[in-house]
């Protein structure tokens, strides 16, 4: 994994300074064998264009100017496997970000082909017309299913302050759902990942 804040390289031993930027990072959250199986699941599953959420009555829609990637409808077995992993993750996220976190939302399995990207965005917002499941998000979690050697681009980039993460197989990165971020365009190969969101009850403060 390569992490760069404000364009400067940060060595692996600087992990705690990255944590202070509100990131929770766990290496080998998933084993290589499981990552390989999940990539196969994605490749053999029906794919559809991933949507974006619009407040102010915009609803949920596809917008290739803001987001271009594919979401895979993987098997119930794959969903159950990841559900168990996310269950075990929640106590560690509570320990890092603090309560309240009550449950996780079903993961989205994503495949970024060449030219795919996701522009700057937050995973939650205050707009009252956003779906409740979006408003309740407190922590976002991204899991890389393949290493950055397999593709170019596809960087997970956080804004203000700028931090860039180039993935490694099985790496998990969690962060406040209010944190603005993007996935840069893939210019070679395929980037596989999954995302989920941990929620709190209505009215609970953001992390």
Protein backbone atom coordinates (compact mmCIF):
# COMPACT_ATOMS: atom_id res chain seq x y z
CA UNK A 1 0.00 0.00 0.00
CA UNK A 2 1.19 3.49 -0.81
CA UNK A 3 -0.18 6.46 1.10
CA UNK A 4 0.57 10.03 0.10
CA UNK A 5 -0.72 13.07 2.03
CA UNK A 6 -0.52 16.36 0.11
CA UNK A 7 1.59 14.63 -2.52
CA UNK A 8 4.33 13.44 -0.15
CA UNK A 9 5.08 9.78 0.42
CA UNK A 10 4.41 8.37 3.87
CA UNK A 11 6.32 5.25 4.95
CA UNK A 12 4.43 2.26 6.35
CA UNK A 13 5.67 3.00 9.89
CA UNK A 14 3.77 6.30 9.79
CA UNK A 15 0.49 4.38 10.10
CA UNK A 16 -0.53 6.19 13.30
CA UNK A 17 -0.18 9.60 11.68
CA UNK A 18 -2.61 8.43 9.01
CA UNK A 19 -5.02 7.21 11.71
CA UNK A 20 -4.98 10.73 13.10
CA UNK A 21 -6.44 11.86 9.78
CA UNK A 22 -9.61 9.91 10.70
CA UNK A 23 -8.70 6.80 8.71
CA UNK A 24 -8.85 3.25 10.04
CA UNK A 25 -6.59 0.92 8.04
CA UNK A 26 -6.35 -2.84 8.36
CA UNK A 27 -3.97 -4.90 6.23
CA UNK A 28 -5.07 -8.37 5.11
CA UNK A 29 -8.63 -7.86 6.30
CA UNK A 30 -9.39 -10.48 3.66
CA UNK A 31 -7.07 -13.34 2.75
CA UNK A 32 -5.72 -13.63 -0.83
CA UNK A 33 -7.73 -16.81 -1.48
CA UNK A 34 -10.97 -15.10 -0.47
CA UNK A 35 -10.15 -12.04 -2.58
CA UNK A 36 -9.54 -14.28 -5.61
CA UNK A 37 -12.88 -16.05 -5.08
CA UNK A 38 -14.72 -12.73 -4.73
CA UNK A 39 -13.16 -11.43 -7.95
CA UNK A 40 -14.47 -14.52 -9.73
CA UNK A 41 -17.87 -13.89 -8.19
CA UNK A 42 -17.85 -10.35 -9.58
CA UNK A 43 -16.77 -11.46 -13.05
CA UNK A 44 -19.48 -14.14 -13.28
CA UNK A 45 -22.28 -12.03 -11.77
CA UNK A 46 -24.74 -9.80 -13.63
CA UNK A 47 -23.32 -6.27 -13.82
CA UNK A 48 -25.13 -2.94 -13.91
CA UNK A 49 -24.09 0.69 -13.86
CA UNK A 50 -23.55 1.91 -10.31
CA UNK A 51 -25.81 4.78 -9.30
CA UNK A 52 -25.29 8.03 -7.40
CA UNK A 53 -27.56 9.52 -4.75
CA UNK A 54 -28.97 13.00 -5.34
CA UNK A 55 -30.51 15.13 -2.64
CA UNK A 56 -33.09 17.84 -3.27
CA UNK A 57 -35.46 15.30 -4.80
CA UNK A 58 -32.86 14.11 -7.30
CA UNK A 59 -33.25 10.52 -6.14
CA UNK A 60 -30.94 7.68 -7.11
CA UNK A 61 -29.74 7.78 -10.67
CA UNK A 62 -26.86 6.95 -13.00
CA UNK A 63 -24.66 9.86 -14.03
CA UNK A 64 -21.60 8.98 -16.09
CA UNK A 65 -20.22 12.49 -15.57
CA UNK A 66 -20.01 11.83 -11.81
CA UNK A 67 -19.56 8.06 -11.62
CA UNK A 68 -18.75 5.34 -14.09
CA UNK A 69 -18.31 1.85 -12.66
CA UNK A 70 -20.13 -1.48 -12.54
CA UNK A 71 -21.91 -3.04 -9.57
CA UNK A 72 -22.09 -6.85 -9.43
CA UNK A 73 -25.08 -8.82 -8.20
CA UNK A 74 -23.00 -11.53 -6.50
CA UNK A 75 -24.28 -14.78 -5.01
CA UNK A 76 -25.99 -15.12 -1.63
CA UNK A 77 -22.95 -17.12 -0.52
CA UNK A 78 -20.60 -14.21 -1.23
CA UNK A 79 -22.91 -11.76 0.54
CA UNK A 80 -23.13 -14.04 3.59
CA UNK A 81 -19.34 -14.45 3.73
CA UNK A 82 -18.79 -10.71 3.72
CA UNK A 83 -21.62 -10.21 6.20
CA UNK A 84 -19.75 -12.33 8.71
CA UNK A 85 -16.55 -10.37 8.15
CA UNK A 86 -18.32 -7.04 8.59
CA UNK A 87 -19.95 -8.28 11.80
CA UNK A 88 -16.51 -8.96 13.29
CA UNK A 89 -15.21 -5.59 12.08
CA UNK A 90 -17.82 -3.44 13.83
CA UNK A 91 -16.31 -3.59 17.36
CA UNK A 92 -12.95 -2.44 16.01
CA UNK A 93 -14.58 0.48 14.21
CA UNK A 94 -16.45 1.45 17.39
CA UNK A 95 -13.13 1.33 19.24
CA UNK A 96 -11.56 3.66 16.70
CA UNK A 97 -14.37 6.07 15.82
CA UNK A 98 -16.45 5.71 18.98
CA UNK A 99 -20.14 4.90 19.33
CA UNK A 100 -22.79 4.92 18.12
CA UNK A 101 -22.64 2.32 15.35
CA UNK A 102 -25.57 -0.07 15.20
CA UNK A 103 -25.33 -2.14 12.00
CA UNK A 104 -23.82 -2.33 8.55
CA UNK A 105 -25.49 -1.99 5.17
CA UNK A 106 -25.15 -4.80 2.59
CA UNK A 107 -21.87 -4.45 0.70
CA UNK A 108 -21.68 -3.31 -2.90
CA UNK A 109 -19.25 -5.27 -5.07
CA UNK A 110 -17.69 -3.01 -7.70
CA UNK A 111 -15.57 -3.44 -10.80
CA UNK A 112 -13.74 -0.49 -12.31
CA UNK A 113 -12.70 -1.13 -15.90
CA UNK A 114 -10.54 1.20 -18.00
CA UNK A 115 -12.04 4.68 -17.97
CA UNK A 116 -14.13 4.05 -14.86
CA UNK A 117 -14.03 6.48 -11.94
CA UNK A 118 -16.08 8.00 -9.12
CA UNK A 119 -15.85 11.77 -8.75
CA UNK A 120 -15.56 13.70 -5.47
CA UNK A 121 -18.43 12.96 -3.10
CA UNK A 122 -19.52 12.17 0.46
CA UNK A 123 -21.38 8.98 1.39
CA UNK A 124 -24.00 10.75 3.50
CA UNK A 125 -25.57 14.16 3.78
CA UNK A 126 -28.07 16.30 5.69
CA UNK A 127 -30.61 16.68 2.88
CA UNK A 128 -34.00 15.62 4.31
CA UNK A 129 -35.08 14.08 1.01
CA UNK A 130 -32.15 11.67 0.91
CA UNK A 131 -33.19 8.07 1.63
CA UNK A 132 -33.04 7.26 5.33
CA UNK A 133 -30.39 4.58 4.77
CA UNK A 134 -28.09 7.24 3.31
CA UNK A 135 -28.69 9.77 6.12
CA UNK A 136 -27.92 7.14 8.78
CA UNK A 137 -24.45 6.33 7.45
CA UNK A 138 -21.66 7.21 9.87
CA UNK A 139 -18.60 5.18 8.73
CA UNK A 140 -17.71 4.05 5.22
CA UNK A 141 -15.54 0.99 4.58
CA UNK A 142 -13.69 0.13 1.37
CA UNK A 143 -12.00 -3.23 0.80
CA UNK A 144 -9.57 -3.67 -2.10
CA UNK A 145 -9.94 -7.08 -3.77
CA UNK A 146 -6.83 -6.81 -5.94
CA UNK A 147 -3.46 -5.10 -5.76
CA UNK A 148 -2.52 -1.86 -7.47
CA UNK A 149 -0.01 -3.79 -9.59
CA UNK A 150 -3.01 -5.11 -11.55
CA UNK A 151 -4.12 -1.68 -12.74
CA UNK A 152 -3.10 1.95 -13.17
CA UNK A 153 -5.11 4.82 -11.75
CA UNK A 154 -8.00 3.84 -9.50
CA UNK A 155 -6.52 5.70 -6.52
CA UNK A 156 -8.70 6.23 -3.44
CA UNK A 157 -8.15 9.92 -2.84
CA UNK A 158 -9.33 11.89 0.19
CA UNK A 159 -9.68 15.65 -0.07
CA UNK A 160 -8.93 18.39 2.47
CA UNK A 161 -6.41 17.23 3.52
CA UNK A 162 -5.40 15.28 0.45
CA UNK A 163 -4.41 11.67 1.10
CA UNK A 164 -4.02 9.07 -1.64
CA UNK A 165 -4.21 5.32 -1.10
CA UNK A 166 -3.11 2.82 -3.71
CA UNK A 167 -4.61 -0.47 -2.72
CA UNK A 168 -3.23 -3.84 -1.80
CA UNK A 169 -5.14 -7.10 -1.96
CA UNK A 170 -7.35 -7.50 1.13
CA UNK A 171 -6.72 -3.99 2.47
CA UNK A 172 -9.55 -2.29 4.36
CA UNK A 173 -9.85 1.47 4.72
CA UNK A 174 -12.64 2.95 6.86
CA UNK A 175 -13.42 6.63 7.34
CA UNK A 176 -16.24 8.98 8.39
CA UNK A 177 -19.03 8.92 5.82
CA UNK A 178 -18.89 12.74 5.76
CA UNK A 179 -15.29 12.67 4.48
CA UNK A 180 -15.06 13.88 0.88
CA UNK A 181 -13.26 11.42 -1.40
CA UNK A 182 -13.03 10.07 -4.93
CA UNK A 183 -11.70 7.18 -7.03
CA UNK A 184 -9.49 8.41 -9.87
CA UNK A 185 -9.94 7.02 -13.37
CA UNK A 186 -8.55 3.57 -14.12
CA UNK A 187 -6.22 3.81 -17.13
CA UNK A 188 -5.12 0.16 -17.35
CA UNK A 189 -6.49 -3.15 -16.09
CA UNK A 190 -9.35 -3.72 -13.67
CA UNK A 191 -9.85 -2.57 -10.09
CA UNK A 192 -12.02 -4.76 -7.86
CA UNK A 193 -13.38 -3.53 -4.54
CA UNK A 194 -16.34 -3.66 -2.23
CA UNK A 195 -17.88 -0.96 -0.08
CA UNK A 196 -20.18 -0.96 2.91
CA UNK A 197 -21.46 1.59 5.40
CA UNK A 198 -21.95 1.39 9.14
CA UNK A 199 -24.97 3.22 10.46
CA UNK A 200 -26.34 4.83 13.61
CA UNK A 201 -29.86 5.53 14.75
CA UNK A 202 -31.70 8.64 13.58
CA UNK A 203 -30.49 11.73 15.44
CA UNK A 204 -27.14 10.27 16.46
CA UNK A 205 -24.20 12.61 15.90
CA UNK A 206 -21.68 12.09 13.12
CA UNK A 207 -18.33 10.52 13.98
